[in-house]
């Protein structure tokens, strides 16, 4: 199965990340999300072409996670995957 996923913007409220570190967070998140989709698949809701305006998550991420951008990227990917991942 081929999955095309485009994420235009991610909003992290209450966490400040220097613009010089955005790429580190983006790479970590993308790598983690790709692995989760490869391992667990995509929800059956998205078998057909689907476009979502937004995915809201209610999962909180601890502030200390912001100090480790690789860990933070993984946590963000987990939250996203809960919104699109296998049922």
PDB file of N, CA and C in Angstrom:
ATOM      1  N   UNK A   1       0.838  -1.167   0.000  1.00  0.00           N
ATOM      2  CA  UNK A   1       0.000   0.000   0.000  1.00  0.00           C
ATOM      3  C   UNK A   1       0.890   1.240   0.000  1.00  0.00           C
ATOM      4  N   UNK A   2       0.522   2.199  -0.818  1.00  0.00           N
ATOM      5  CA  UNK A   2       1.254   3.463  -0.881  1.00  0.00           C
ATOM      6  C   UNK A   2       0.455   4.522  -0.135  1.00  0.00           C
ATOM      7  N   UNK A   3       1.106   5.221   0.760  1.00  0.00           N
ATOM      8  CA  UNK A   3       0.462   6.272   1.541  1.00  0.00           C
ATOM      9  C   UNK A   3       1.161   7.588   1.246  1.00  0.00           C
ATOM     10  N   UNK A   4       0.390   8.574   0.818  1.00  0.00           N
ATOM     11  CA  UNK A   4       0.908   9.936   0.644  1.00  0.00           C
ATOM     12  C   UNK A   4       0.307  10.788   1.742  1.00  0.00           C
ATOM     13  N   UNK A   5       1.152  11.389   2.520  1.00  0.00           N
ATOM     14  CA  UNK A   5       0.706  12.192   3.650  1.00  0.00           C
ATOM     15  C   UNK A   5       1.381  13.557   3.570  1.00  0.00           C
ATOM     16  N   UNK A   6       0.571  14.597   3.600  1.00  0.00           N
ATOM     17  CA  UNK A   6       1.100  15.957   3.582  1.00  0.00           C
ATOM     18  C   UNK A   6       0.640  16.663   4.845  1.00  0.00           C
ATOM     19  N   UNK A   7       1.573  17.107   5.636  1.00  0.00           N
ATOM     20  CA  UNK A   7       1.258  17.847   6.858  1.00  0.00           C
ATOM     21  C   UNK A   7       1.726  19.275   6.630  1.00  0.00           C
ATOM     22  N   UNK A   8       0.776  20.169   6.596  1.00  0.00           N
ATOM     23  CA  UNK A   8       1.108  21.557   6.326  1.00  0.00           C
ATOM     24  C   UNK A   8       1.622  22.284   7.558  1.00  0.00           C
ATOM     25  N   UNK A   9       1.004  21.994   8.692  1.00  0.00           N
ATOM     26  CA  UNK A   9       1.374  22.742   9.892  1.00  0.00           C
ATOM     27  C   UNK A   9       1.059  21.916  11.129  1.00  0.00           C
ATOM     28  N   UNK A  10       1.914  22.032  12.123  1.00  0.00           N
ATOM     29  CA  UNK A  10       1.678  21.418  13.428  1.00  0.00           C
ATOM     30  C   UNK A  10       1.783  22.531  14.465  1.00  0.00           C
ATOM     31  N   UNK A  11       0.788  22.594  15.324  1.00  0.00           N
ATOM     32  CA  UNK A  11       0.773  23.615  16.371  1.00  0.00           C
ATOM     33  C   UNK A  11       1.025  22.933  17.703  1.00  0.00           C
ATOM     34  N   UNK A  12       2.082  23.342  18.374  1.00  0.00           N
ATOM     35  CA  UNK A  12       2.409  22.833  19.702  1.00  0.00           C
ATOM     36  C   UNK A  12       2.222  23.982  20.673  1.00  0.00           C
ATOM     37  N   UNK A  13       1.166  23.948  21.415  1.00  0.00           N
ATOM     38  CA  UNK A  13       0.871  25.033  22.350  1.00  0.00           C
ATOM     39  C   UNK A  13       1.699  24.879  23.619  1.00  0.00           C
ATOM     40  N   UNK A  14       2.267  25.983  24.060  1.00  0.00           N
ATOM     41  CA  UNK A  14       3.000  25.994  25.317  1.00  0.00           C
ATOM     42  C   UNK A  14       4.433  25.509  25.229  1.00  0.00           C
ATOM     43  N   UNK A  15       4.906  25.211  24.025  1.00  0.00           N
ATOM     44  CA  UNK A  15       6.288  24.753  23.862  1.00  0.00           C
ATOM     45  C   UNK A  15       6.971  25.676  22.871  1.00  0.00           C
ATOM     46  N   UNK A  16       8.080  26.229  23.267  1.00  0.00           N
ATOM     47  CA  UNK A  16       8.833  27.127  22.403  1.00  0.00           C
ATOM     48  C   UNK A  16      10.056  26.390  21.860  1.00  0.00           C
ATOM     49  N   UNK A  17      10.159  26.338  20.544  1.00  0.00           N
ATOM     50  CA  UNK A  17      11.288  25.661  19.903  1.00  0.00           C
ATOM     51  C   UNK A  17      11.973  26.668  18.977  1.00  0.00           C
ATOM     52  N   UNK A  18      13.260  26.873  19.144  1.00  0.00           N
ATOM     53  CA  UNK A  18      13.967  27.810  18.269  1.00  0.00           C
ATOM     54  C   UNK A  18      13.837  27.390  16.803  1.00  0.00           C
ATOM     55  N   UNK A  19      13.694  28.352  15.923  1.00  0.00           N
ATOM     56  CA  UNK A  19      13.521  28.035  14.499  1.00  0.00           C
ATOM     57  C   UNK A  19      14.696  27.225  13.961  1.00  0.00           C
ATOM     58  N   UNK A  20      15.866  27.386  14.542  1.00  0.00           N
ATOM     59  CA  UNK A  20      17.026  26.616  14.100  1.00  0.00           C
ATOM     60  C   UNK A  20      16.885  25.127  14.411  1.00  0.00           C
ATOM     61  N   UNK A  21      15.933  24.766  15.280  1.00  0.00           N
ATOM     62  CA  UNK A  21      15.734  23.369  15.680  1.00  0.00           C
ATOM     63  C   UNK A  21      14.489  22.744  15.057  1.00  0.00           C
ATOM     64  N   UNK A  22      13.731  23.501  14.278  1.00  0.00           N
ATOM     65  CA  UNK A  22      12.505  22.973  13.670  1.00  0.00           C
ATOM     66  C   UNK A  22      12.766  21.735  12.812  1.00  0.00           C
ATOM     67  N   UNK A  23      13.866  21.747  12.058  1.00  0.00           N
ATOM     68  CA  UNK A  23      14.176  20.616  11.175  1.00  0.00           C
ATOM     69  C   UNK A  23      14.447  19.340  11.972  1.00  0.00           C
ATOM     70  N   UNK A  24      15.085  19.468  13.121  1.00  0.00           N
ATOM     71  CA  UNK A  24      15.344  18.303  13.974  1.00  0.00           C
ATOM     72  C   UNK A  24      14.021  17.690  14.420  1.00  0.00           C
ATOM     73  N   UNK A  25      13.097  18.534  14.876  1.00  0.00           N
ATOM     74  CA  UNK A  25      11.783  18.063  15.310  1.00  0.00           C
ATOM     75  C   UNK A  25      11.023  17.446  14.140  1.00  0.00           C
ATOM     76  N   UNK A  26      11.048  18.112  12.999  1.00  0.00           N
ATOM     77  CA  UNK A  26      10.320  17.608  11.826  1.00  0.00           C
ATOM     78  C   UNK A  26      10.855  16.248  11.383  1.00  0.00           C
ATOM     79  N   UNK A  27      12.153  16.100  11.339  1.00  0.00           N
ATOM     80  CA  UNK A  27      12.755  14.830  10.922  1.00  0.00           C
ATOM     81  C   UNK A  27      12.418  13.712  11.902  1.00  0.00           C
ATOM     82  N   UNK A  28      12.505  14.001  13.178  1.00  0.00           N
ATOM     83  CA  UNK A  28      12.187  13.007  14.198  1.00  0.00           C
ATOM     84  C   UNK A  28      10.727  12.576  14.102  1.00  0.00           C
ATOM     85  N   UNK A  29       9.838  13.552  13.954  1.00  0.00           N
ATOM     86  CA  UNK A  29       8.419  13.248  13.860  1.00  0.00           C
ATOM     87  C   UNK A  29       8.118  12.423  12.609  1.00  0.00           C
ATOM     88  N   UNK A  30       8.671  12.830  11.476  1.00  0.00           N
ATOM     89  CA  UNK A  30       8.419  12.124  10.225  1.00  0.00           C
ATOM     90  C   UNK A  30       8.941  10.694  10.275  1.00  0.00           C
ATOM     91  N   UNK A  31      10.140  10.516  10.796  1.00  0.00           N
ATOM     92  CA  UNK A  31      10.727   9.177  10.894  1.00  0.00           C
ATOM     93  C   UNK A  31       9.865   8.270  11.765  1.00  0.00           C
ATOM     94  N   UNK A  32       9.425   8.793  12.903  1.00  0.00           N
ATOM     95  CA  UNK A  32       8.594   8.004  13.816  1.00  0.00           C
ATOM     96  C   UNK A  32       7.242   7.682  13.190  1.00  0.00           C
ATOM     97  N   UNK A  33       6.618   8.663  12.544  1.00  0.00           N
ATOM     98  CA  UNK A  33       5.301   8.447  11.950  1.00  0.00           C
ATOM     99  C   UNK A  33       5.368   7.451  10.799  1.00  0.00           C
ATOM    100  N   UNK A  34       6.403   7.542   9.993  1.00  0.00           N
ATOM    101  CA  UNK A  34       6.589   6.580   8.893  1.00  0.00           C
ATOM    102  C   UNK A  34       6.707   5.170   9.443  1.00  0.00           C
ATOM    103  N   UNK A  35       7.471   4.996  10.511  1.00  0.00           N
ATOM    104  CA  UNK A  35       7.639   3.671  11.103  1.00  0.00           C
ATOM    105  C   UNK A  35       6.321   3.148  11.668  1.00  0.00           C
ATOM    106  N   UNK A  36       5.564   4.013  12.349  1.00  0.00           N
ATOM    107  CA  UNK A  36       4.279   3.588  12.904  1.00  0.00           C
ATOM    108  C   UNK A  36       3.310   3.179  11.809  1.00  0.00           C
ATOM    109  N   UNK A  37       3.272   3.926  10.712  1.00  0.00           N
ATOM    110  CA  UNK A  37       2.387   3.576   9.603  1.00  0.00           C
ATOM    111  C   UNK A  37       2.836   2.276   8.937  1.00  0.00           C
ATOM    112  N   UNK A  38       4.142   2.084   8.814  1.00  0.00           N
ATOM    113  CA  UNK A  38       4.661   0.848   8.221  1.00  0.00           C
ATOM    114  C   UNK A  38       4.337  -0.350   9.099  1.00  0.00           C
ATOM    115  N   UNK A  39       4.448  -0.185  10.411  1.00  0.00           N
ATOM    116  CA  UNK A  39       4.200  -1.289  11.343  1.00  0.00           C
ATOM    117  C   UNK A  39       2.717  -1.552  11.567  1.00  0.00           C
ATOM    118  N   UNK A  40       1.942  -0.488  11.740  1.00  0.00           N
ATOM    119  CA  UNK A  40       0.550  -0.648  12.147  1.00  0.00           C
ATOM    120  C   UNK A  40      -0.490  -0.366  11.094  1.00  0.00           C
ATOM    121  N   UNK A  41      -0.098   0.283  10.027  1.00  0.00           N
ATOM    122  CA  UNK A  41      -1.036   0.571   8.957  1.00  0.00           C
ATOM    123  C   UNK A  41      -1.856   1.825   9.203  1.00  0.00           C
ATOM    124  N   UNK A  42      -2.786   2.026   8.306  1.00  0.00           N
ATOM    125  CA  UNK A  42      -3.630   3.205   8.290  1.00  0.00           C
ATOM    126  C   UNK A  42      -5.050   2.802   8.620  1.00  0.00           C
ATOM    127  N   UNK A  43      -5.773   3.663   9.298  1.00  0.00           N
ATOM    128  CA  UNK A  43      -7.157   3.388   9.644  1.00  0.00           C
ATOM    129  C   UNK A  43      -7.984   3.116   8.390  1.00  0.00           C
ATOM    130  N   UNK A  44      -8.950   2.236   8.500  1.00  0.00           N
ATOM    131  CA  UNK A  44      -9.825   1.912   7.368  1.00  0.00           C
ATOM    132  C   UNK A  44     -10.620   3.131   6.906  1.00  0.00           C
ATOM    133  N   UNK A  45     -10.733   4.138   7.770  1.00  0.00           N
ATOM    134  CA  UNK A  45     -11.423   5.380   7.371  1.00  0.00           C
ATOM    135  C   UNK A  45     -10.699   6.079   6.240  1.00  0.00           C
ATOM    136  N   UNK A  46      -9.432   5.756   6.037  1.00  0.00           N
ATOM    137  CA  UNK A  46      -8.628   6.458   5.050  1.00  0.00           C
ATOM    138  C   UNK A  46      -8.227   5.585   3.866  1.00  0.00           C
ATOM    139  N   UNK A  47      -8.963   4.512   3.625  1.00  0.00           N
ATOM    140  CA  UNK A  47      -8.633   3.627   2.508  1.00  0.00           C
ATOM    141  C   UNK A  47      -8.806   4.373   1.184  1.00  0.00           C
ATOM    142  N   UNK A  48      -9.868   5.143   1.069  1.00  0.00           N
ATOM    143  CA  UNK A  48     -10.086   5.978  -0.110  1.00  0.00           C
ATOM    144  C   UNK A  48      -9.356   7.298   0.082  1.00  0.00           C
ATOM    145  N   UNK A  49      -9.182   8.042  -1.004  1.00  0.00           N
ATOM    146  CA  UNK A  49      -8.571   9.366  -0.893  1.00  0.00           C
ATOM    147  C   UNK A  49      -9.330  10.190   0.134  1.00  0.00           C
ATOM    148  N   UNK A  50      -8.611  10.713   1.081  1.00  0.00           N
ATOM    149  CA  UNK A  50      -9.217  11.479   2.167  1.00  0.00           C
ATOM    150  C   UNK A  50      -8.384  12.716   2.425  1.00  0.00           C
ATOM    151  N   UNK A  51      -9.070  13.796   2.664  1.00  0.00           N
ATOM    152  CA  UNK A  51      -8.399  15.033   3.028  1.00  0.00           C
ATOM    153  C   UNK A  51      -8.984  15.508   4.345  1.00  0.00           C
ATOM    154  N   UNK A  52      -8.131  15.732   5.316  1.00  0.00           N
ATOM    155  CA  UNK A  52      -8.570  16.228   6.612  1.00  0.00           C
ATOM    156  C   UNK A  52      -8.087  17.654   6.785  1.00  0.00           C
ATOM    157  N   UNK A  53      -8.966  18.478   7.256  1.00  0.00           N
ATOM    158  CA  UNK A  53      -8.582  19.868   7.508  1.00  0.00           C
ATOM    159  C   UNK A  53      -7.689  19.955   8.744  1.00  0.00           C
ATOM    160  N   UNK A  54      -7.964  19.136   9.731  1.00  0.00           N
ATOM    161  CA  UNK A  54      -7.126  19.108  10.921  1.00  0.00           C
ATOM    162  C   UNK A  54      -7.351  17.814  11.699  1.00  0.00           C
ATOM    163  N   UNK A  55      -6.380  17.484  12.501  1.00  0.00           N
ATOM    164  CA  UNK A  55      -6.487  16.381  13.448  1.00  0.00           C
ATOM    165  C   UNK A  55      -6.213  16.982  14.812  1.00  0.00           C
ATOM    166  N   UNK A  56      -7.192  16.922  15.676  1.00  0.00           N
ATOM    167  CA  UNK A  56      -7.013  17.440  17.033  1.00  0.00           C
ATOM    168  C   UNK A  56      -6.627  16.293  17.948  1.00  0.00           C
ATOM    169  N   UNK A  57      -5.674  16.556  18.790  1.00  0.00           N
ATOM    170  CA  UNK A  57      -5.305  15.562  19.791  1.00  0.00           C
ATOM    171  C   UNK A  57      -5.493  16.188  21.162  1.00  0.00           C
ATOM    172  N   UNK A  58      -5.876  15.369  22.101  1.00  0.00           N
ATOM    173  CA  UNK A  58      -6.052  15.859  23.462  1.00  0.00           C
ATOM    174  C   UNK A  58      -4.948  15.337  24.365  1.00  0.00           C
ATOM    175  N   UNK A  59      -3.981  14.706  23.752  1.00  0.00           N
ATOM    176  CA  UNK A  59      -2.877  14.140  24.530  1.00  0.00           C
ATOM    177  C   UNK A  59      -1.911  15.241  24.924  1.00  0.00           C
ATOM    178  N   UNK A  60      -1.580  15.276  26.183  1.00  0.00           N
ATOM    179  CA  UNK A  60      -0.598  16.270  26.615  1.00  0.00           C
ATOM    180  C   UNK A  60       0.792  15.662  26.533  1.00  0.00           C
ATOM    181  N   UNK A  61       1.731  16.514  26.238  1.00  0.00           N
ATOM    182  CA  UNK A  61       3.128  16.120  26.171  1.00  0.00           C
ATOM    183  C   UNK A  61       3.832  16.892  27.274  1.00  0.00           C
ATOM    184  N   UNK A  62       4.563  16.211  28.089  1.00  0.00           N
ATOM    185  CA  UNK A  62       5.235  16.848  29.221  1.00  0.00           C
ATOM    186  C   UNK A  62       6.252  17.879  28.744  1.00  0.00           C
ATOM    187  N   UNK A  63       6.321  18.982  29.445  1.00  0.00           N
ATOM    188  CA  UNK A  63       7.230  20.069  29.072  1.00  0.00           C
ATOM    189  C   UNK A  63       8.677  19.602  28.990  1.00  0.00           C
ATOM    190  N   UNK A  64       9.083  18.667  29.848  1.00  0.00           N
ATOM    191  CA  UNK A  64      10.469  18.209  29.797  1.00  0.00           C
ATOM    192  C   UNK A  64      10.784  17.485  28.495  1.00  0.00           C
ATOM    193  N   UNK A  65       9.739  16.999  27.786  1.00  0.00           N
ATOM    194  CA  UNK A  65       9.965  16.378  26.489  1.00  0.00           C
ATOM    195  C   UNK A  65      10.483  17.389  25.468  1.00  0.00           C
ATOM    196  N   UNK A  66      10.159  18.668  25.663  1.00  0.00           N
ATOM    197  CA  UNK A  66      10.598  19.702  24.732  1.00  0.00           C
ATOM    198  C   UNK A  66      12.107  19.882  24.773  1.00  0.00           C
ATOM    199  N   UNK A  67      12.738  19.439  25.837  1.00  0.00           N
ATOM    200  CA  UNK A  67      14.189  19.547  25.946  1.00  0.00           C
ATOM    201  C   UNK A  67      14.905  18.528  25.074  1.00  0.00           C
ATOM    202  N   UNK A  68      14.237  17.463  24.695  1.00  0.00           N
ATOM    203  CA  UNK A  68      14.804  16.443  23.826  1.00  0.00           C
ATOM    204  C   UNK A  68      13.938  16.396  22.572  1.00  0.00           C
ATOM    205  N   UNK A  69      14.385  17.056  21.510  1.00  0.00           N
ATOM    206  CA  UNK A  69      13.561  17.180  20.312  1.00  0.00           C
ATOM    207  C   UNK A  69      13.299  15.848  19.624  1.00  0.00           C
ATOM    208  N   UNK A  70      14.211  14.914  19.737  1.00  0.00           N
ATOM    209  CA  UNK A  70      13.972  13.584  19.144  1.00  0.00           C
ATOM    210  C   UNK A  70      12.812  12.905  19.869  1.00  0.00           C
ATOM    211  N   UNK A  71      12.811  12.988  21.182  1.00  0.00           N
ATOM    212  CA  UNK A  71      11.738  12.400  21.988  1.00  0.00           C
ATOM    213  C   UNK A  71      10.421  13.142  21.742  1.00  0.00           C
ATOM    214  N   UNK A  72      10.479  14.455  21.663  1.00  0.00           N
ATOM    215  CA  UNK A  72       9.290  15.253  21.394  1.00  0.00           C
ATOM    216  C   UNK A  72       8.706  14.909  20.032  1.00  0.00           C
ATOM    217  N   UNK A  73       9.551  14.762  19.025  1.00  0.00           N
ATOM    218  CA  UNK A  73       9.082  14.384  17.687  1.00  0.00           C
ATOM    219  C   UNK A  73       8.370  13.048  17.708  1.00  0.00           C
ATOM    220  N   UNK A  74       8.900  12.100  18.480  1.00  0.00           N
ATOM    221  CA  UNK A  74       8.258  10.794  18.614  1.00  0.00           C
ATOM    222  C   UNK A  74       6.899  10.919  19.289  1.00  0.00           C
ATOM    223  N   UNK A  75       6.803  11.735  20.319  1.00  0.00           N
ATOM    224  CA  UNK A  75       5.528  11.930  21.029  1.00  0.00           C
ATOM    225  C   UNK A  75       4.487  12.583  20.116  1.00  0.00           C
ATOM    226  N   UNK A  76       4.904  13.558  19.326  1.00  0.00           N
ATOM    227  CA  UNK A  76       3.986  14.208  18.387  1.00  0.00           C
ATOM    228  C   UNK A  76       3.512  13.186  17.349  1.00  0.00           C
ATOM    229  N   UNK A  77       4.427  12.371  16.849  1.00  0.00           N
ATOM    230  CA  UNK A  77       4.069  11.341  15.869  1.00  0.00           C
ATOM    231  C   UNK A  77       3.071  10.350  16.467  1.00  0.00           C
ATOM    232  N   UNK A  78       3.265   9.967  17.723  1.00  0.00           N
ATOM    233  CA  UNK A  78       2.318   9.061  18.374  1.00  0.00           C
ATOM    234  C   UNK A  78       0.928   9.683  18.441  1.00  0.00           C
ATOM    235  N   UNK A  79       0.861  10.955  18.771  1.00  0.00           N
ATOM    236  CA  UNK A  79      -0.430  11.649  18.832  1.00  0.00           C
ATOM    237  C   UNK A  79      -1.091  11.682  17.462  1.00  0.00           C
ATOM    238  N   UNK A  80      -0.319  11.999  16.438  1.00  0.00           N
ATOM    239  CA  UNK A  80      -0.868  12.017  15.078  1.00  0.00           C
ATOM    240  C   UNK A  80      -1.327  10.627  14.659  1.00  0.00           C
ATOM    241  N   UNK A  81      -0.535   9.640  14.977  1.00  0.00           N
ATOM    242  CA  UNK A  81      -0.881   8.278  14.564  1.00  0.00           C
ATOM    243  C   UNK A  81      -2.188   7.817  15.214  1.00  0.00           C
ATOM    244  N   UNK A  82      -2.427   8.237  16.447  1.00  0.00           N
ATOM    245  CA  UNK A  82      -3.691   7.878  17.095  1.00  0.00           C
ATOM    246  C   UNK A  82      -4.876   8.457  16.321  1.00  0.00           C
ATOM    247  N   UNK A  83      -4.646   9.526  15.574  1.00  0.00           N
ATOM    248  CA  UNK A  83      -5.711  10.130  14.792  1.00  0.00           C
ATOM    249  C   UNK A  83      -5.918   9.506  13.417  1.00  0.00           C
ATOM    250  N   UNK A  84      -4.877   8.846  12.889  1.00  0.00           N
ATOM    251  CA  UNK A  84      -4.985   8.288  11.534  1.00  0.00           C
ATOM    252  C   UNK A  84      -4.635   6.811  11.445  1.00  0.00           C
ATOM    253  N   UNK A  85      -4.140   6.247  12.520  1.00  0.00           N
ATOM    254  CA  UNK A  85      -3.604   4.884  12.483  1.00  0.00           C
ATOM    255  C   UNK A  85      -4.665   3.801  12.466  1.00  0.00           C
ATOM    256  N   UNK A  86      -4.186   2.589  12.453  1.00  0.00           N
ATOM    257  CA  UNK A  86      -5.034   1.405  12.379  1.00  0.00           C
ATOM    258  C   UNK A  86      -6.054   1.408  13.498  1.00  0.00           C
ATOM    259  N   UNK A  87      -7.284   1.030  13.140  1.00  0.00           N
ATOM    260  CA  UNK A  87      -8.424   1.045  14.094  1.00  0.00           C
ATOM    261  C   UNK A  87      -8.145   0.204  15.309  1.00  0.00           C
TER     262      UNK A  87
END
